[in-house]
Amino acid sequence: TVTACYKAVDGWFAAWVEEIPGVNSQGRTLDE
């Protein structure tokens, strides 16, 4: 189990895995 983190930033959702540096992404919606 890892922790997925999401933060709304300028109309996008930034996303990253807390426990694994370098695993990050973004999307226009939370689902994306």
PDB file of all heavy atoms in Angstrom:
ATOM      1  N   THR A   1       0.852  -1.177   0.000  1.00  0.00           N
ATOM      2  CA  THR A   1       0.000   0.000   0.000  1.00  0.00           C
ATOM      3  C   THR A   1       0.891   1.231   0.000  1.00  0.00           C
ATOM      4  O   THR A   1       1.825   1.317   0.792  1.00  0.00           O
ATOM      5  CB  THR A   1      -0.899   0.016   1.254  1.00  0.00           C
ATOM      6  OG1 THR A   1      -1.705  -1.151   1.251  1.00  0.00           O
ATOM      7  CG2 THR A   1      -1.796   1.236   1.262  1.00  0.00           C
ATOM      8  N   VAL A   2       0.617   2.140  -0.912  1.00  0.00           N
ATOM      9  CA  VAL A   2       1.340   3.404  -0.953  1.00  0.00           C
ATOM     10  C   VAL A   2       0.327   4.542  -0.831  1.00  0.00           C
ATOM     11  O   VAL A   2      -0.872   4.338  -1.010  1.00  0.00           O
ATOM     12  CB  VAL A   2       2.175   3.567  -2.246  1.00  0.00           C
ATOM     13  CG1 VAL A   2       3.283   2.525  -2.310  1.00  0.00           C
ATOM     14  CG2 VAL A   2       1.299   3.507  -3.480  1.00  0.00           C
ATOM     15  N   THR A   3       0.827   5.716  -0.532  1.00  0.00           N
ATOM     16  CA  THR A   3      -0.027   6.880  -0.350  1.00  0.00           C
ATOM     17  C   THR A   3      -0.002   7.756  -1.592  1.00  0.00           C
ATOM     18  O   THR A   3       1.051   8.285  -1.953  1.00  0.00           O
ATOM     19  CB  THR A   3       0.446   7.701   0.866  1.00  0.00           C
ATOM     20  OG1 THR A   3       0.560   6.840   1.999  1.00  0.00           O
ATOM     21  CG2 THR A   3      -0.520   8.834   1.165  1.00  0.00           C
ATOM     22  N   ALA A   4      -1.149   7.875  -2.260  1.00  0.00           N
ATOM     23  CA  ALA A   4      -1.278   8.778  -3.396  1.00  0.00           C
ATOM     24  C   ALA A   4      -1.732  10.128  -2.869  1.00  0.00           C
ATOM     25  O   ALA A   4      -2.700  10.217  -2.114  1.00  0.00           O
ATOM     26  CB  ALA A   4      -2.287   8.225  -4.393  1.00  0.00           C
ATOM     27  N   CYS A   5      -1.017  11.174  -3.243  1.00  0.00           N
ATOM     28  CA  CYS A   5      -1.332  12.531  -2.795  1.00  0.00           C
ATOM     29  C   CYS A   5      -1.770  13.360  -3.992  1.00  0.00           C
ATOM     30  O   CYS A   5      -1.213  13.229  -5.079  1.00  0.00           O
ATOM     31  CB  CYS A   5      -0.100  13.166  -2.167  1.00  0.00           C
ATOM     32  SG  CYS A   5       0.568  12.251  -0.773  1.00  0.00           S
ATOM     33  N   TYR A   6      -2.755  14.207  -3.770  1.00  0.00           N
ATOM     34  CA  TYR A   6      -3.289  15.058  -4.833  1.00  0.00           C
ATOM     35  C   TYR A   6      -3.421  16.476  -4.304  1.00  0.00           C
ATOM     36  O   TYR A   6      -3.801  16.692  -3.160  1.00  0.00           O
ATOM     37  CB  TYR A   6      -4.669  14.565  -5.280  1.00  0.00           C
ATOM     38  CG  TYR A   6      -4.663  13.120  -5.701  1.00  0.00           C
ATOM     39  CD1 TYR A   6      -5.016  12.122  -4.799  1.00  0.00           C
ATOM     40  CD2 TYR A   6      -4.295  12.759  -6.983  1.00  0.00           C
ATOM     41  CE1 TYR A   6      -5.007  10.794  -5.173  1.00  0.00           C
ATOM     42  CE2 TYR A   6      -4.281  11.424  -7.367  1.00  0.00           C
ATOM     43  CZ  TYR A   6      -4.634  10.448  -6.462  1.00  0.00           C
ATOM     44  OH  TYR A   6      -4.616   9.128  -6.834  1.00  0.00           O
ATOM     45  N   LYS A   7      -3.122  17.447  -5.166  1.00  0.00           N
ATOM     46  CA  LYS A   7      -3.260  18.850  -4.782  1.00  0.00           C
ATOM     47  C   LYS A   7      -3.721  19.653  -5.992  1.00  0.00           C
ATOM     48  O   LYS A   7      -3.135  19.538  -7.077  1.00  0.00           O
ATOM     49  CB  LYS A   7      -1.919  19.391  -4.276  1.00  0.00           C
ATOM     50  CG  LYS A   7      -1.991  20.811  -3.788  1.00  0.00           C
ATOM     51  CD  LYS A   7      -0.658  21.248  -3.204  1.00  0.00           C
ATOM     52  CE  LYS A   7      -0.776  22.651  -2.644  1.00  0.00           C
ATOM     53  NZ  LYS A   7       0.472  23.065  -2.018  1.00  0.00           N
ATOM     54  N   ALA A   8      -4.769  20.443  -5.815  1.00  0.00           N
ATOM     55  CA  ALA A   8      -5.257  21.310  -6.889  1.00  0.00           C
ATOM     56  C   ALA A   8      -4.290  22.479  -7.050  1.00  0.00           C
ATOM     57  O   ALA A   8      -3.981  23.177  -6.087  1.00  0.00           O
ATOM     58  CB  ALA A   8      -6.652  21.812  -6.567  1.00  0.00           C
ATOM     59  N   VAL A   9      -3.809  22.677  -8.295  1.00  0.00           N
ATOM     60  CA  VAL A   9      -2.861  23.745  -8.589  1.00  0.00           C
ATOM     61  C   VAL A   9      -3.210  24.348  -9.946  1.00  0.00           C
ATOM     62  O   VAL A   9      -3.101  23.674 -10.970  1.00  0.00           O
ATOM     63  CB  VAL A   9      -1.406  23.217  -8.631  1.00  0.00           C
ATOM     64  CG1 VAL A   9      -0.434  24.346  -8.959  1.00  0.00           C
ATOM     65  CG2 VAL A   9      -1.020  22.530  -7.334  1.00  0.00           C
ATOM     66  N   ASP A  10      -3.653  25.575  -9.959  1.00  0.00           N
ATOM     67  CA  ASP A  10      -3.921  26.309 -11.200  1.00  0.00           C
ATOM     68  C   ASP A  10      -4.805  25.539 -12.181  1.00  0.00           C
ATOM     69  O   ASP A  10      -4.511  25.454 -13.370  1.00  0.00           O
ATOM     70  CB  ASP A  10      -2.608  26.696 -11.891  1.00  0.00           C
ATOM     71  CG  ASP A  10      -1.772  27.660 -11.063  1.00  0.00           C
ATOM     72  OD1 ASP A  10      -2.368  28.462 -10.310  1.00  0.00           O
ATOM     73  OD2 ASP A  10      -0.529  27.599 -11.148  1.00  0.00           O
ATOM     74  N   GLY A  11      -5.892  24.970 -11.701  1.00  0.00           N
ATOM     75  CA  GLY A  11      -6.831  24.274 -12.574  1.00  0.00           C
ATOM     76  C   GLY A  11      -6.452  22.840 -12.914  1.00  0.00           C
ATOM     77  O   GLY A  11      -7.129  22.187 -13.703  1.00  0.00           O
ATOM     78  N   TRP A  12      -5.373  22.345 -12.355  1.00  0.00           N
ATOM     79  CA  TRP A  12      -4.917  20.967 -12.553  1.00  0.00           C
ATOM     80  C   TRP A  12      -4.860  20.284 -11.191  1.00  0.00           C
ATOM     81  O   TRP A  12      -4.869  20.933 -10.152  1.00  0.00           O
ATOM     82  CB  TRP A  12      -3.509  20.945 -13.162  1.00  0.00           C
ATOM     83  CG  TRP A  12      -3.449  21.376 -14.581  1.00  0.00           C
ATOM     84  CD1 TRP A  12      -3.457  22.667 -15.038  1.00  0.00           C
ATOM     85  CD2 TRP A  12      -3.371  20.545 -15.717  1.00  0.00           C
ATOM     86  NE1 TRP A  12      -3.397  22.677 -16.400  1.00  0.00           N
ATOM     87  CE2 TRP A  12      -3.323  21.389 -16.851  1.00  0.00           C
ATOM     88  CE3 TRP A  12      -3.325  19.170 -15.909  1.00  0.00           C
ATOM     89  CZ2 TRP A  12      -3.250  20.899 -18.139  1.00  0.00           C
ATOM     90  CZ3 TRP A  12      -3.234  18.684 -17.201  1.00  0.00           C
ATOM     91  CH2 TRP A  12      -3.207  19.538 -18.300  1.00  0.00           C
ATOM     92  N   PHE A  13      -4.740  18.954 -11.216  1.00  0.00           N
ATOM     93  CA  PHE A  13      -4.467  18.207  -9.997  1.00  0.00           C
ATOM     94  C   PHE A  13      -3.067  17.611 -10.121  1.00  0.00           C
ATOM     95  O   PHE A  13      -2.816  16.790 -11.005  1.00  0.00           O
ATOM     96  CB  PHE A  13      -5.492  17.083  -9.787  1.00  0.00           C
ATOM     97  CG  PHE A  13      -6.819  17.589  -9.320  1.00  0.00           C
ATOM     98  CD1 PHE A  13      -7.796  17.941 -10.239  1.00  0.00           C
ATOM     99  CD2 PHE A  13      -7.086  17.735  -7.973  1.00  0.00           C
ATOM    100  CE1 PHE A  13      -9.029  18.425  -9.826  1.00  0.00           C
ATOM    101  CE2 PHE A  13      -8.310  18.221  -7.537  1.00  0.00           C
ATOM    102  CZ  PHE A  13      -9.291  18.568  -8.462  1.00  0.00           C
ATOM    103  N   ALA A  14      -2.159  18.067  -9.264  1.00  0.00           N
ATOM    104  CA  ALA A  14      -0.838  17.452  -9.167  1.00  0.00           C
ATOM    105  C   ALA A  14      -1.010  16.162  -8.372  1.00  0.00           C
ATOM    106  O   ALA A  14      -1.825  16.093  -7.453  1.00  0.00           O
ATOM    107  CB  ALA A  14       0.126  18.385  -8.455  1.00  0.00           C
ATOM    108  N   ALA A  15      -0.248  15.138  -8.728  1.00  0.00           N
ATOM    109  CA  ALA A  15      -0.376  13.834  -8.065  1.00  0.00           C
ATOM    110  C   ALA A  15       1.015  13.233  -7.863  1.00  0.00           C
ATOM    111  O   ALA A  15       1.871  13.342  -8.733  1.00  0.00           O
ATOM    112  CB  ALA A  15      -1.230  12.904  -8.923  1.00  0.00           C
ATOM    113  N   TRP A  16       1.226  12.608  -6.709  1.00  0.00           N
ATOM    114  CA  TRP A  16       2.496  11.945  -6.447  1.00  0.00           C
ATOM    115  C   TRP A  16       2.296  10.831  -5.448  1.00  0.00           C
ATOM    116  O   TRP A  16       1.323  10.791  -4.718  1.00  0.00           O
ATOM    117  CB  TRP A  16       3.541  12.942  -5.955  1.00  0.00           C
ATOM    118  CG  TRP A  16       3.243  13.599  -4.643  1.00  0.00           C
ATOM    119  CD1 TRP A  16       3.677  13.210  -3.406  1.00  0.00           C
ATOM    120  CD2 TRP A  16       2.432  14.759  -4.419  1.00  0.00           C
ATOM    121  NE1 TRP A  16       3.185  14.057  -2.430  1.00  0.00           N
ATOM    122  CE2 TRP A  16       2.416  15.027  -3.033  1.00  0.00           C
ATOM    123  CE3 TRP A  16       1.702  15.605  -5.257  1.00  0.00           C
ATOM    124  CZ2 TRP A  16       1.718  16.081  -2.470  1.00  0.00           C
ATOM    125  CZ3 TRP A  16       1.008  16.662  -4.681  1.00  0.00           C
ATOM    126  CH2 TRP A  16       1.025  16.891  -3.314  1.00  0.00           C
ATOM    127  N   VAL A  17       3.253   9.891  -5.446  1.00  0.00           N
ATOM    128  CA  VAL A  17       3.271   8.800  -4.472  1.00  0.00           C
ATOM    129  C   VAL A  17       4.249   9.219  -3.383  1.00  0.00           C
ATOM    130  O   VAL A  17       5.437   9.437  -3.645  1.00  0.00           O
ATOM    131  CB  VAL A  17       3.685   7.461  -5.110  1.00  0.00           C
ATOM    132  CG1 VAL A  17       3.855   6.378  -4.042  1.00  0.00           C
ATOM    133  CG2 VAL A  17       2.639   7.025  -6.135  1.00  0.00           C
ATOM    134  N   GLU A  18       3.723   9.357  -2.177  1.00  0.00           N
ATOM    135  CA  GLU A  18       4.508   9.887  -1.064  1.00  0.00           C
ATOM    136  C   GLU A  18       5.769   9.064  -0.772  1.00  0.00           C
ATOM    137  O   GLU A  18       6.824   9.612  -0.477  1.00  0.00           O
ATOM    138  CB  GLU A  18       3.612   9.941   0.177  1.00  0.00           C
ATOM    139  CG  GLU A  18       4.219  10.643   1.347  1.00  0.00           C
ATOM    140  CD  GLU A  18       3.208  10.845   2.449  1.00  0.00           C
ATOM    141  OE1 GLU A  18       2.659   9.843   2.957  1.00  0.00           O
ATOM    142  OE2 GLU A  18       2.953  12.003   2.785  1.00  0.00           O
ATOM    143  N   GLU A  19       5.674   7.750  -0.866  1.00  0.00           N
ATOM    144  CA  GLU A  19       6.770   6.877  -0.456  1.00  0.00           C
ATOM    145  C   GLU A  19       7.821   6.641  -1.537  1.00  0.00           C
ATOM    146  O   GLU A  19       8.886   6.080  -1.250  1.00  0.00           O
ATOM    147  CB  GLU A  19       6.223   5.502  -0.017  1.00  0.00           C
ATOM    148  CG  GLU A  19       5.327   5.531   1.185  1.00  0.00           C
ATOM    149  CD  GLU A  19       3.866   5.854   0.880  1.00  0.00           C
ATOM    150  OE1 GLU A  19       3.504   6.076  -0.302  1.00  0.00           O
ATOM    151  OE2 GLU A  19       3.074   5.877   1.831  1.00  0.00           O
ATOM    152  N   ILE A  20       7.544   7.037  -2.781  1.00  0.00           N
ATOM    153  CA  ILE A  20       8.463   6.721  -3.874  1.00  0.00           C
ATOM    154  C   ILE A  20       8.789   8.003  -4.646  1.00  0.00           C
ATOM    155  O   ILE A  20       8.023   8.437  -5.503  1.00  0.00           O
ATOM    156  CB  ILE A  20       7.876   5.661  -4.827  1.00  0.00           C
ATOM    157  CG1 ILE A  20       7.428   4.437  -4.034  1.00  0.00           C
ATOM    158  CG2 ILE A  20       8.908   5.270  -5.886  1.00  0.00           C
ATOM    159  CD1 ILE A  20       6.674   3.416  -4.847  1.00  0.00           C
ATOM    160  N   PRO A  21       9.924   8.621  -4.342  1.00  0.00           N
ATOM    161  CA  PRO A  21      10.296   9.839  -5.048  1.00  0.00           C
ATOM    162  C   PRO A  21      10.346   9.609  -6.558  1.00  0.00           C
ATOM    163  O   PRO A  21      10.789   8.559  -7.026  1.00  0.00           O
ATOM    164  CB  PRO A  21      11.703  10.146  -4.511  1.00  0.00           C
ATOM    165  CG  PRO A  21      11.768   9.442  -3.200  1.00  0.00           C
ATOM    166  CD  PRO A  21      10.911   8.203  -3.359  1.00  0.00           C
ATOM    167  N   GLY A  22       9.874  10.579  -7.308  1.00  0.00           N
ATOM    168  CA  GLY A  22       9.915  10.484  -8.757  1.00  0.00           C
ATOM    169  C   GLY A  22       8.650   9.951  -9.397  1.00  0.00           C
ATOM    170  O   GLY A  22       8.484  10.039 -10.604  1.00  0.00           O
ATOM    171  N   VAL A  23       7.754   9.384  -8.596  1.00  0.00           N
ATOM    172  CA  VAL A  23       6.480   8.907  -9.143  1.00  0.00           C
ATOM    173  C   VAL A  23       5.472  10.032  -8.955  1.00  0.00           C
ATOM    174  O   VAL A  23       4.954  10.253  -7.866  1.00  0.00           O
ATOM    175  CB  VAL A  23       5.997   7.606  -8.461  1.00  0.00           C
ATOM    176  CG1 VAL A  23       4.655   7.188  -9.029  1.00  0.00           C
ATOM    177  CG2 VAL A  23       7.018   6.503  -8.640  1.00  0.00           C
ATOM    178  N   ASN A  24       5.251  10.770 -10.038  1.00  0.00           N
ATOM    179  CA  ASN A  24       4.319  11.893  -9.981  1.00  0.00           C
ATOM    180  C   ASN A  24       3.686  12.102 -11.343  1.00  0.00           C
ATOM    181  O   ASN A  24       4.180  11.607 -12.349  1.00  0.00           O
ATOM    182  CB  ASN A  24       5.026  13.158  -9.485  1.00  0.00           C
ATOM    183  CG  ASN A  24       6.275  13.442 -10.270  1.00  0.00           C
ATOM    184  OD1 ASN A  24       6.234  13.699 -11.459  1.00  0.00           O
ATOM    185  ND2 ASN A  24       7.413  13.387  -9.599  1.00  0.00           N
ATOM    186  N   SER A  25       2.592  12.830 -11.354  1.00  0.00           N
ATOM    187  CA  SER A  25       1.877  13.101 -12.591  1.00  0.00           C
ATOM    188  C   SER A  25       0.912  14.250 -12.344  1.00  0.00           C
ATOM    189  O   SER A  25       0.986  14.929 -11.313  1.00  0.00           O
ATOM    190  CB  SER A  25       1.137  11.849 -13.071  1.00  0.00           C
ATOM    191  OG  SER A  25       0.703  12.029 -14.403  1.00  0.00           O
ATOM    192  N   GLN A  26      -0.007  14.440 -13.276  1.00  0.00           N
ATOM    193  CA  GLN A  26      -1.029  15.466 -13.124  1.00  0.00           C
ATOM    194  C   GLN A  26      -2.204  15.133 -14.020  1.00  0.00           C
ATOM    195  O   GLN A  26      -2.112  14.279 -14.887  1.00  0.00           O
ATOM    196  CB  GLN A  26      -0.484  16.846 -13.479  1.00  0.00           C
ATOM    197  CG  GLN A  26      -0.087  16.982 -14.934  1.00  0.00           C
ATOM    198  CD  GLN A  26       0.508  18.344 -15.232  1.00  0.00           C
ATOM    199  OE1 GLN A  26       0.799  19.114 -14.333  1.00  0.00           O
ATOM    200  NE2 GLN A  26       0.683  18.650 -16.503  1.00  0.00           N
ATOM    201  N   GLY A  27      -3.313  15.810 -13.784  1.00  0.00           N
ATOM    202  CA  GLY A  27      -4.487  15.644 -14.622  1.00  0.00           C
ATOM    203  C   GLY A  27      -5.408  16.834 -14.471  1.00  0.00           C
ATOM    204  O   GLY A  27      -5.356  17.547 -13.474  1.00  0.00           O
ATOM    205  N   ARG A  28      -6.262  17.019 -15.455  1.00  0.00           N
ATOM    206  CA  ARG A  28      -7.242  18.113 -15.392  1.00  0.00           C
ATOM    207  C   ARG A  28      -8.303  17.839 -14.336  1.00  0.00           C
ATOM    208  O   ARG A  28      -8.851  18.747 -13.739  1.00  0.00           O
ATOM    209  CB  ARG A  28      -7.921  18.309 -16.749  1.00  0.00           C
ATOM    210  CG  ARG A  28      -7.073  19.007 -17.743  1.00  0.00           C
ATOM    211  CD  ARG A  28      -7.238  20.484 -17.570  1.00  0.00           C
ATOM    212  NE  ARG A  28      -6.515  21.178 -18.611  1.00  0.00           N
ATOM    213  CZ  ARG A  28      -6.146  22.430 -18.508  1.00  0.00           C
ATOM    214  NH1 ARG A  28      -6.439  23.124 -17.441  1.00  0.00           N
ATOM    215  NH2 ARG A  28      -5.488  23.003 -19.471  1.00  0.00           N
ATOM    216  N   THR A  29      -8.609  16.548 -14.115  1.00  0.00           N
ATOM    217  CA  THR A  29      -9.582  16.152 -13.102  1.00  0.00           C
ATOM    218  C   THR A  29      -8.897  15.225 -12.115  1.00  0.00           C
ATOM    219  O   THR A  29      -7.833  14.667 -12.400  1.00  0.00           O
ATOM    220  CB  THR A  29     -10.784  15.416 -13.729  1.00  0.00           C
ATOM    221  OG1 THR A  29     -10.316  14.164 -14.268  1.00  0.00           O
ATOM    222  CG2 THR A  29     -11.454  16.249 -14.812  1.00  0.00           C
ATOM    223  N   LEU A  30      -9.529  15.017 -10.981  1.00  0.00           N
ATOM    224  CA  LEU A  30      -8.973  14.103  -9.990  1.00  0.00           C
ATOM    225  C   LEU A  30      -8.900  12.687 -10.546  1.00  0.00           C
ATOM    226  O   LEU A  30      -7.901  11.982 -10.361  1.00  0.00           O
ATOM    227  CB  LEU A  30      -9.804  14.150  -8.701  1.00  0.00           C
ATOM    228  CG  LEU A  30      -9.271  13.376  -7.515  1.00  0.00           C
ATOM    229  CD1 LEU A  30      -7.847  13.778  -7.161  1.00  0.00           C
ATOM    230  CD2 LEU A  30     -10.187  13.568  -6.315  1.00  0.00           C
ATOM    231  N   ASP A  31      -9.933  12.260 -11.265  1.00  0.00           N
ATOM    232  CA  ASP A  31      -9.916  10.922 -11.869  1.00  0.00           C
ATOM    233  C   ASP A  31      -8.782  10.772 -12.877  1.00  0.00           C
ATOM    234  O   ASP A  31      -8.112   9.738 -12.925  1.00  0.00           O
ATOM    235  CB  ASP A  31     -11.253  10.603 -12.531  1.00  0.00           C
ATOM    236  CG  ASP A  31     -12.342  10.264 -11.530  1.00  0.00           C
ATOM    237  OD1 ASP A  31     -12.005   9.905 -10.378  1.00  0.00           O
ATOM    238  OD2 ASP A  31     -13.530  10.354 -11.889  1.00  0.00           O
ATOM    239  N   GLU A  32      -8.572  11.795 -13.699  1.00  0.00           N
ATOM    240  CA  GLU A  32      -7.482  11.736 -14.674  1.00  0.00           C
ATOM    241  C   GLU A  32      -6.132  11.688 -13.955  1.00  0.00           C
ATOM    242  O   GLU A  32      -5.244  10.935 -14.345  1.00  0.00           O
ATOM    243  CB  GLU A  32      -7.537  12.941 -15.611  1.00  0.00           C
ATOM    244  CG  GLU A  32      -6.458  12.904 -16.674  1.00  0.00           C
ATOM    245  CD  GLU A  32      -6.500  14.095 -17.617  1.00  0.00           C
ATOM    246  OE1 GLU A  32      -6.948  15.187 -17.208  1.00  0.00           O
ATOM    247  OE2 GLU A  32      -6.073  13.915 -18.773  1.00  0.00           O
TER     248      GLU A  32
END
